[in-house]
Amino acid sequence: MRSRCGWRRADGGRGTLLRVSNPEAKNFEAIVKAKADHNAHCPFPPHTVRMNPFEIERMSWEEGDIIAGLTLEADPKLGTGAFRLVCDGMEPPELDVEDEVVIEAPAEPLTVPVPTGPGREGEPDGSAERTPGYGR
């Protein structure tokens, strides 16, 4: 992940600073303003900024980058030129809740009635001797 603050060092950390591209700077500025506005009106701070994947690529950003303290996430549902801030008030995080299912054995054995009567051709009809312990 990389951090984007509006300026980038030419040598990767030491030395001369370069100004970022104009569209990148404008998007960064818009995100910073939207974040400040969101914080002024919502008790939940934003944690993610969503943008169209095309816009992310156009800015030379990557999904997962940190932009103005927010994690960048691709969202193809958003139109180009738009972004959305996401906070826990809008989309609460999913909690890892395990649902326990308890299955208890029946207190008494189940009795399943077996019908007697004429069966199909070639099958015993119930008039033959029964094996002791089976059936009724």
N, C-alpha and C. Protein backbone atom coordinates (compact mmCIF):
# COMPACT_ATOMS: atom_id res chain seq x y z
N MET A 1 0.83 -1.18 0.00
CA MET A 1 0.00 0.00 0.00
C MET A 1 0.87 1.24 0.00
N ARG A 2 0.40 2.27 -0.66
CA ARG A 2 1.11 3.53 -0.67
C ARG A 2 0.22 4.60 -0.07
N SER A 3 0.84 5.60 0.48
CA SER A 3 0.08 6.72 1.03
C SER A 3 0.11 7.86 0.01
N ARG A 4 -1.02 8.49 -0.16
CA ARG A 4 -1.11 9.62 -1.10
C ARG A 4 -1.43 10.88 -0.31
N CYS A 5 -0.59 11.87 -0.41
CA CYS A 5 -0.83 13.09 0.33
C CYS A 5 -0.83 14.31 -0.57
N GLY A 6 -0.75 14.12 -1.86
CA GLY A 6 -0.75 15.26 -2.77
C GLY A 6 0.64 15.56 -3.30
N TRP A 7 1.67 15.06 -2.67
CA TRP A 7 3.05 15.24 -3.11
C TRP A 7 3.73 13.90 -3.15
N ARG A 8 4.69 13.74 -4.03
CA ARG A 8 5.41 12.49 -4.17
C ARG A 8 6.90 12.80 -4.28
N ARG A 9 7.71 12.05 -3.60
CA ARG A 9 9.16 12.25 -3.68
C ARG A 9 9.69 11.62 -4.96
N ALA A 10 10.57 12.32 -5.63
CA ALA A 10 11.12 11.84 -6.91
C ALA A 10 12.03 10.63 -6.71
N ASP A 11 12.71 10.57 -5.58
CA ASP A 11 13.68 9.50 -5.36
C ASP A 11 13.17 8.43 -4.41
N GLY A 12 11.87 8.37 -4.18
CA GLY A 12 11.30 7.33 -3.35
C GLY A 12 11.42 7.57 -1.86
N GLY A 13 11.73 8.75 -1.41
CA GLY A 13 11.77 9.00 0.03
C GLY A 13 12.72 10.10 0.44
N ARG A 14 13.74 10.39 -0.35
CA ARG A 14 14.70 11.44 0.00
C ARG A 14 14.85 12.40 -1.16
N GLY A 15 14.99 13.64 -0.88
CA GLY A 15 15.33 14.59 -1.95
C GLY A 15 14.16 15.43 -2.41
N THR A 16 14.10 15.66 -3.72
CA THR A 16 13.17 16.60 -4.34
C THR A 16 11.74 16.06 -4.37
N LEU A 17 10.80 16.94 -4.11
CA LEU A 17 9.39 16.59 -4.21
C LEU A 17 8.87 16.97 -5.59
N LEU A 18 8.02 16.12 -6.14
CA LEU A 18 7.35 16.42 -7.40
C LEU A 18 5.88 16.65 -7.15
N ARG A 19 5.26 17.53 -7.88
CA ARG A 19 3.82 17.75 -7.79
C ARG A 19 3.13 16.60 -8.50
N VAL A 20 2.06 16.06 -7.91
CA VAL A 20 1.32 14.96 -8.54
C VAL A 20 0.53 15.49 -9.73
N SER A 21 0.07 14.58 -10.57
CA SER A 21 -0.67 14.98 -11.76
C SER A 21 -1.92 15.78 -11.37
N ASN A 22 -2.35 16.65 -12.25
CA ASN A 22 -3.48 17.53 -11.98
C ASN A 22 -4.77 16.77 -11.64
N PRO A 23 -5.19 15.76 -12.43
CA PRO A 23 -6.40 15.01 -12.06
C PRO A 23 -6.26 14.31 -10.70
N GLU A 24 -5.07 13.78 -10.42
CA GLU A 24 -4.83 13.11 -9.15
C GLU A 24 -4.96 14.11 -8.00
N ALA A 25 -4.39 15.29 -8.17
CA ALA A 25 -4.46 16.32 -7.12
C ALA A 25 -5.90 16.79 -6.91
N LYS A 26 -6.64 16.95 -7.99
CA LYS A 26 -8.04 17.38 -7.87
C LYS A 26 -8.89 16.32 -7.15
N ASN A 27 -8.67 15.06 -7.49
CA ASN A 27 -9.40 14.00 -6.81
C ASN A 27 -9.03 13.94 -5.34
N PHE A 28 -7.73 14.05 -5.06
CA PHE A 28 -7.28 14.03 -3.67
C PHE A 28 -7.92 15.18 -2.88
N GLU A 29 -7.93 16.37 -3.46
CA GLU A 29 -8.52 17.53 -2.80
C GLU A 29 -10.01 17.32 -2.57
N ALA A 30 -10.71 16.77 -3.54
CA ALA A 30 -12.15 16.53 -3.40
C ALA A 30 -12.41 15.50 -2.29
N ILE A 31 -11.56 14.47 -2.20
CA ILE A 31 -11.73 13.46 -1.16
C ILE A 31 -11.49 14.06 0.22
N VAL A 32 -10.45 14.90 0.35
CA VAL A 32 -10.16 15.55 1.62
C VAL A 32 -11.33 16.44 2.06
N LYS A 33 -11.89 17.22 1.13
CA LYS A 33 -13.03 18.08 1.45
C LYS A 33 -14.26 17.25 1.83
N ALA A 34 -14.51 16.18 1.09
CA ALA A 34 -15.67 15.33 1.39
C ALA A 34 -15.50 14.66 2.75
N LYS A 35 -14.29 14.27 3.08
CA LYS A 35 -14.01 13.66 4.38
C LYS A 35 -14.28 14.66 5.50
N ALA A 36 -13.83 15.90 5.34
CA ALA A 36 -14.05 16.94 6.35
C ALA A 36 -15.54 17.22 6.51
N ASP A 37 -16.26 17.29 5.39
CA ASP A 37 -17.71 17.51 5.43
C ASP A 37 -18.41 16.34 6.12
N HIS A 38 -18.00 15.13 5.78
CA HIS A 38 -18.59 13.95 6.40
C HIS A 38 -18.38 13.96 7.91
N ASN A 39 -17.15 14.25 8.33
CA ASN A 39 -16.84 14.28 9.76
C ASN A 39 -17.63 15.36 10.50
N ALA A 40 -17.99 16.43 9.81
CA ALA A 40 -18.76 17.51 10.43
C ALA A 40 -20.23 17.12 10.63
N HIS A 41 -20.71 16.15 9.85
CA HIS A 41 -22.14 15.82 9.88
C HIS A 41 -22.46 14.41 10.35
N CYS A 42 -21.44 13.57 10.57
CA CYS A 42 -21.68 12.18 10.93
C CYS A 42 -20.77 11.79 12.09
N PRO A 43 -21.32 11.09 13.10
CA PRO A 43 -20.48 10.70 14.23
C PRO A 43 -19.50 9.55 13.91
N PHE A 44 -19.69 8.90 12.78
CA PHE A 44 -18.83 7.79 12.38
C PHE A 44 -17.84 8.27 11.33
N PRO A 45 -16.54 8.22 11.62
CA PRO A 45 -15.57 8.66 10.60
C PRO A 45 -15.51 7.67 9.44
N PRO A 46 -15.29 8.18 8.22
CA PRO A 46 -15.19 7.27 7.08
C PRO A 46 -13.90 6.46 7.16
N HIS A 47 -13.94 5.25 6.60
CA HIS A 47 -12.76 4.39 6.59
C HIS A 47 -12.38 3.97 5.18
N THR A 48 -13.29 4.17 4.22
CA THR A 48 -13.06 3.71 2.85
C THR A 48 -13.55 4.76 1.87
N VAL A 49 -12.85 4.89 0.77
CA VAL A 49 -13.33 5.70 -0.35
C VAL A 49 -13.47 4.75 -1.53
N ARG A 50 -14.66 4.76 -2.13
CA ARG A 50 -14.93 3.89 -3.28
C ARG A 50 -14.95 4.73 -4.54
N MET A 51 -14.33 4.18 -5.58
CA MET A 51 -14.29 4.85 -6.88
C MET A 51 -14.47 3.80 -7.98
N ASN A 52 -14.85 4.27 -9.15
CA ASN A 52 -14.94 3.41 -10.32
C ASN A 52 -13.54 2.89 -10.64
N PRO A 53 -13.41 1.61 -10.98
CA PRO A 53 -12.09 1.04 -11.29
C PRO A 53 -11.33 1.81 -12.38
N PHE A 54 -12.06 2.34 -13.36
CA PHE A 54 -11.43 3.12 -14.42
C PHE A 54 -10.78 4.36 -13.84
N GLU A 55 -11.46 5.03 -12.92
CA GLU A 55 -10.91 6.23 -12.28
C GLU A 55 -9.66 5.90 -11.47
N ILE A 56 -9.70 4.79 -10.77
CA ILE A 56 -8.53 4.38 -9.97
C ILE A 56 -7.33 4.17 -10.89
N GLU A 57 -7.55 3.50 -12.01
CA GLU A 57 -6.47 3.26 -12.96
C GLU A 57 -5.99 4.57 -13.58
N ARG A 58 -6.92 5.45 -13.91
CA ARG A 58 -6.57 6.73 -14.53
C ARG A 58 -5.71 7.58 -13.61
N MET A 59 -5.93 7.46 -12.29
CA MET A 59 -5.15 8.23 -11.32
C MET A 59 -3.81 7.57 -11.01
N SER A 60 -3.57 6.40 -11.61
CA SER A 60 -2.38 5.59 -11.31
C SER A 60 -2.37 5.15 -9.85
N TRP A 61 -3.55 4.99 -9.29
CA TRP A 61 -3.70 4.47 -7.94
C TRP A 61 -4.00 2.99 -8.06
N GLU A 62 -3.99 2.31 -6.93
CA GLU A 62 -4.33 0.89 -6.90
C GLU A 62 -5.30 0.65 -5.77
N GLU A 63 -6.18 -0.34 -5.96
CA GLU A 63 -7.11 -0.70 -4.90
C GLU A 63 -6.29 -1.10 -3.67
N GLY A 64 -6.67 -0.59 -2.51
CA GLY A 64 -5.93 -0.86 -1.28
C GLY A 64 -5.01 0.29 -0.89
N ASP A 65 -4.75 1.23 -1.82
CA ASP A 65 -3.95 2.41 -1.47
C ASP A 65 -4.66 3.19 -0.38
N ILE A 66 -3.89 3.96 0.37
CA ILE A 66 -4.45 4.84 1.40
C ILE A 66 -4.48 6.24 0.81
N ILE A 67 -5.66 6.78 0.65
CA ILE A 67 -5.87 8.11 0.08
C ILE A 67 -6.47 8.98 1.17
N ALA A 68 -5.76 9.99 1.62
CA ALA A 68 -6.23 10.91 2.67
C ALA A 68 -6.67 10.14 3.91
N GLY A 69 -5.96 9.06 4.23
CA GLY A 69 -6.27 8.26 5.41
C GLY A 69 -7.40 7.26 5.21
N LEU A 70 -7.87 7.10 3.99
CA LEU A 70 -8.98 6.19 3.68
C LEU A 70 -8.48 5.09 2.74
N THR A 71 -8.98 3.89 2.94
CA THR A 71 -8.61 2.77 2.07
C THR A 71 -9.38 2.87 0.76
N LEU A 72 -8.66 2.78 -0.34
CA LEU A 72 -9.27 2.89 -1.66
C LEU A 72 -9.84 1.55 -2.09
N GLU A 73 -11.09 1.57 -2.54
CA GLU A 73 -11.79 0.35 -2.94
C GLU A 73 -12.48 0.59 -4.27
N ALA A 74 -12.36 -0.36 -5.20
CA ALA A 74 -13.01 -0.25 -6.50
C ALA A 74 -14.49 -0.59 -6.38
N ASP A 75 -15.32 0.19 -7.07
CA ASP A 75 -16.77 -0.05 -7.10
C ASP A 75 -17.27 0.27 -8.50
N PRO A 76 -17.47 -0.75 -9.35
CA PRO A 76 -17.90 -0.49 -10.73
C PRO A 76 -19.30 0.11 -10.83
N LYS A 77 -20.07 0.10 -9.73
CA LYS A 77 -21.41 0.69 -9.76
C LYS A 77 -21.36 2.22 -9.79
N LEU A 78 -20.24 2.79 -9.35
CA LEU A 78 -20.10 4.24 -9.35
C LEU A 78 -19.67 4.70 -10.74
N GLY A 79 -20.22 5.83 -11.16
CA GLY A 79 -19.83 6.39 -12.44
C GLY A 79 -18.45 7.01 -12.37
N THR A 80 -17.86 7.23 -13.53
CA THR A 80 -16.56 7.88 -13.55
C THR A 80 -16.72 9.32 -13.08
N GLY A 81 -15.72 9.83 -12.40
CA GLY A 81 -15.77 11.18 -11.87
C GLY A 81 -16.47 11.28 -10.53
N ALA A 82 -16.92 10.15 -9.98
CA ALA A 82 -17.63 10.15 -8.70
C ALA A 82 -16.89 9.25 -7.73
N PHE A 83 -17.08 9.49 -6.44
CA PHE A 83 -16.56 8.60 -5.41
C PHE A 83 -17.53 8.61 -4.26
N ARG A 84 -17.39 7.63 -3.38
CA ARG A 84 -18.28 7.52 -2.22
C ARG A 84 -17.44 7.19 -0.99
N LEU A 85 -17.68 7.94 0.09
CA LEU A 85 -17.04 7.64 1.35
C LEU A 85 -17.92 6.66 2.11
N VAL A 86 -17.31 5.71 2.78
CA VAL A 86 -18.05 4.68 3.52
C VAL A 86 -17.63 4.75 4.98
N CYS A 87 -18.65 4.78 5.86
CA CYS A 87 -18.38 4.76 7.30
C CYS A 87 -19.20 3.64 7.93
N ASP A 88 -18.94 3.37 9.20
CA ASP A 88 -19.66 2.29 9.88
C ASP A 88 -21.13 2.63 10.10
N GLY A 89 -21.50 3.90 10.03
CA GLY A 89 -22.91 4.27 10.15
C GLY A 89 -23.71 3.91 8.92
N MET A 90 -23.03 3.84 7.77
CA MET A 90 -23.70 3.50 6.52
C MET A 90 -23.69 2.00 6.29
N GLU A 91 -22.56 1.38 6.51
CA GLU A 91 -22.39 -0.05 6.31
C GLU A 91 -21.64 -0.60 7.50
N PRO A 92 -22.35 -1.00 8.55
CA PRO A 92 -21.66 -1.53 9.73
C PRO A 92 -20.82 -2.74 9.35
N PRO A 93 -19.67 -2.89 9.99
CA PRO A 93 -18.83 -4.06 9.67
C PRO A 93 -19.54 -5.35 10.06
N GLU A 94 -19.27 -6.39 9.30
CA GLU A 94 -19.89 -7.68 9.61
C GLU A 94 -19.21 -8.26 10.84
N LEU A 95 -20.02 -8.74 11.74
CA LEU A 95 -19.49 -9.35 12.95
C LEU A 95 -19.38 -10.85 12.75
N ASP A 96 -18.34 -11.42 13.31
CA ASP A 96 -18.19 -12.87 13.24
C ASP A 96 -19.02 -13.49 14.35
N VAL A 97 -20.26 -13.81 14.03
CA VAL A 97 -21.17 -14.42 14.99
C VAL A 97 -21.45 -15.84 14.52
N GLU A 98 -21.17 -16.77 15.40
CA GLU A 98 -21.42 -18.16 15.05
C GLU A 98 -22.80 -18.55 15.56
N ASP A 99 -23.62 -19.06 14.66
CA ASP A 99 -24.93 -19.54 15.05
C ASP A 99 -24.79 -20.99 15.47
N GLU A 100 -25.15 -21.27 16.71
CA GLU A 100 -25.08 -22.63 17.20
C GLU A 100 -26.44 -23.29 17.05
N VAL A 101 -26.42 -24.46 16.48
CA VAL A 101 -27.65 -25.22 16.31
C VAL A 101 -27.55 -26.42 17.25
N VAL A 102 -28.51 -26.52 18.15
CA VAL A 102 -28.53 -27.62 19.11
C VAL A 102 -29.63 -28.58 18.70
N ILE A 103 -29.24 -29.81 18.49
CA ILE A 103 -30.22 -30.84 18.14
C ILE A 103 -30.23 -31.83 19.30
N GLU A 104 -31.40 -32.01 19.88
CA GLU A 104 -31.52 -32.93 21.01
C GLU A 104 -32.18 -34.22 20.54
N ALA A 105 -31.75 -35.30 21.15
CA ALA A 105 -32.36 -36.59 20.85
C ALA A 105 -33.76 -36.63 21.45
N PRO A 106 -34.70 -37.31 20.81
CA PRO A 106 -36.04 -37.41 21.38
C PRO A 106 -36.01 -38.13 22.73
N ALA A 107 -36.90 -37.74 23.63
CA ALA A 107 -36.96 -38.34 24.96
C ALA A 107 -37.41 -39.80 24.91
N GLU A 108 -38.29 -40.12 24.00
CA GLU A 108 -38.80 -41.49 23.87
C GLU A 108 -38.51 -41.98 22.47
N PRO A 109 -38.42 -43.30 22.28
CA PRO A 109 -38.23 -43.82 20.92
C PRO A 109 -39.44 -43.49 20.06
N LEU A 110 -39.19 -43.23 18.82
CA LEU A 110 -40.28 -42.92 17.89
C LEU A 110 -40.95 -44.22 17.43
N THR A 111 -42.27 -44.17 17.32
CA THR A 111 -43.03 -45.31 16.83
C THR A 111 -43.55 -44.95 15.46
N VAL A 112 -43.19 -45.77 14.49
CA VAL A 112 -43.63 -45.52 13.12
C VAL A 112 -44.60 -46.64 12.75
N PRO A 113 -45.88 -46.30 12.49
CA PRO A 113 -46.85 -47.34 12.13
C PRO A 113 -46.53 -47.92 10.75
N VAL A 114 -46.66 -49.23 10.65
CA VAL A 114 -46.45 -49.91 9.38
C VAL A 114 -47.80 -50.44 8.92
N PRO A 115 -48.30 -49.97 7.79
CA PRO A 115 -49.62 -50.44 7.34
C PRO A 115 -49.57 -51.92 6.93
N THR A 116 -50.63 -52.61 7.24
CA THR A 116 -50.76 -54.00 6.80
C THR A 116 -51.92 -54.06 5.83
N GLY A 117 -51.90 -55.01 5.01
CA GLY A 117 -52.97 -55.14 4.03
C GLY A 117 -52.40 -55.69 2.75
N PRO A 118 -53.21 -55.68 1.72
CA PRO A 118 -52.73 -56.24 0.47
C PRO A 118 -51.56 -55.43 -0.06
N GLY A 119 -50.49 -56.12 -0.41
CA GLY A 119 -49.32 -55.47 -0.97
C GLY A 119 -49.34 -55.57 -2.47
N ARG A 120 -48.25 -55.32 -3.05
CA ARG A 120 -48.14 -55.46 -4.50
C ARG A 120 -47.97 -56.93 -4.86
N GLU A 121 -48.19 -57.20 -6.10
CA GLU A 121 -48.10 -58.58 -6.57
C GLU A 121 -46.68 -59.10 -6.35
N GLY A 122 -46.58 -60.28 -5.78
CA GLY A 122 -45.28 -60.88 -5.53
C GLY A 122 -44.70 -60.52 -4.18
N GLU A 123 -45.36 -59.63 -3.45
CA GLU A 123 -44.88 -59.26 -2.13
C GLU A 123 -45.75 -59.93 -1.09
N PRO A 124 -45.21 -60.19 0.08
CA PRO A 124 -46.05 -60.79 1.13
C PRO A 124 -47.19 -59.85 1.50
N ASP A 125 -48.34 -60.40 1.83
CA ASP A 125 -49.51 -59.57 2.14
C ASP A 125 -49.75 -59.42 3.62
N GLY A 126 -48.84 -59.89 4.44
CA GLY A 126 -49.02 -59.75 5.87
C GLY A 126 -49.64 -60.97 6.49
N SER A 127 -50.10 -61.95 5.68
CA SER A 127 -50.73 -63.13 6.24
C SER A 127 -49.70 -64.20 6.55
N ALA A 128 -48.50 -64.05 6.08
CA ALA A 128 -47.45 -65.03 6.35
C ALA A 128 -46.97 -64.87 7.78
N GLU A 129 -46.21 -65.85 8.23
CA GLU A 129 -45.68 -65.77 9.60
C GLU A 129 -44.76 -64.57 9.73
N ARG A 130 -44.84 -63.99 10.88
CA ARG A 130 -43.97 -62.85 11.16
C ARG A 130 -42.79 -63.33 11.98
N THR A 131 -41.68 -62.71 11.77
CA THR A 131 -40.50 -63.03 12.57
C THR A 131 -40.68 -62.41 13.95
N PRO A 132 -40.47 -63.20 14.99
CA PRO A 132 -40.65 -62.64 16.35
C PRO A 132 -39.70 -61.44 16.56
N GLY A 133 -40.24 -60.43 17.20
CA GLY A 133 -39.45 -59.25 17.50
C GLY A 133 -39.51 -58.18 16.43
N TYR A 134 -40.04 -58.50 15.24
CA TYR A 134 -40.14 -57.53 14.17
C TYR A 134 -41.61 -57.21 13.93
N GLY A 135 -41.85 -56.09 13.37
CA GLY A 135 -43.24 -55.72 13.07
C GLY A 135 -43.89 -55.10 14.30
N ARG A 136 -45.00 -55.72 14.75
CA ARG A 136 -45.74 -55.15 15.87
C ARG A 136 -45.14 -55.46 17.18
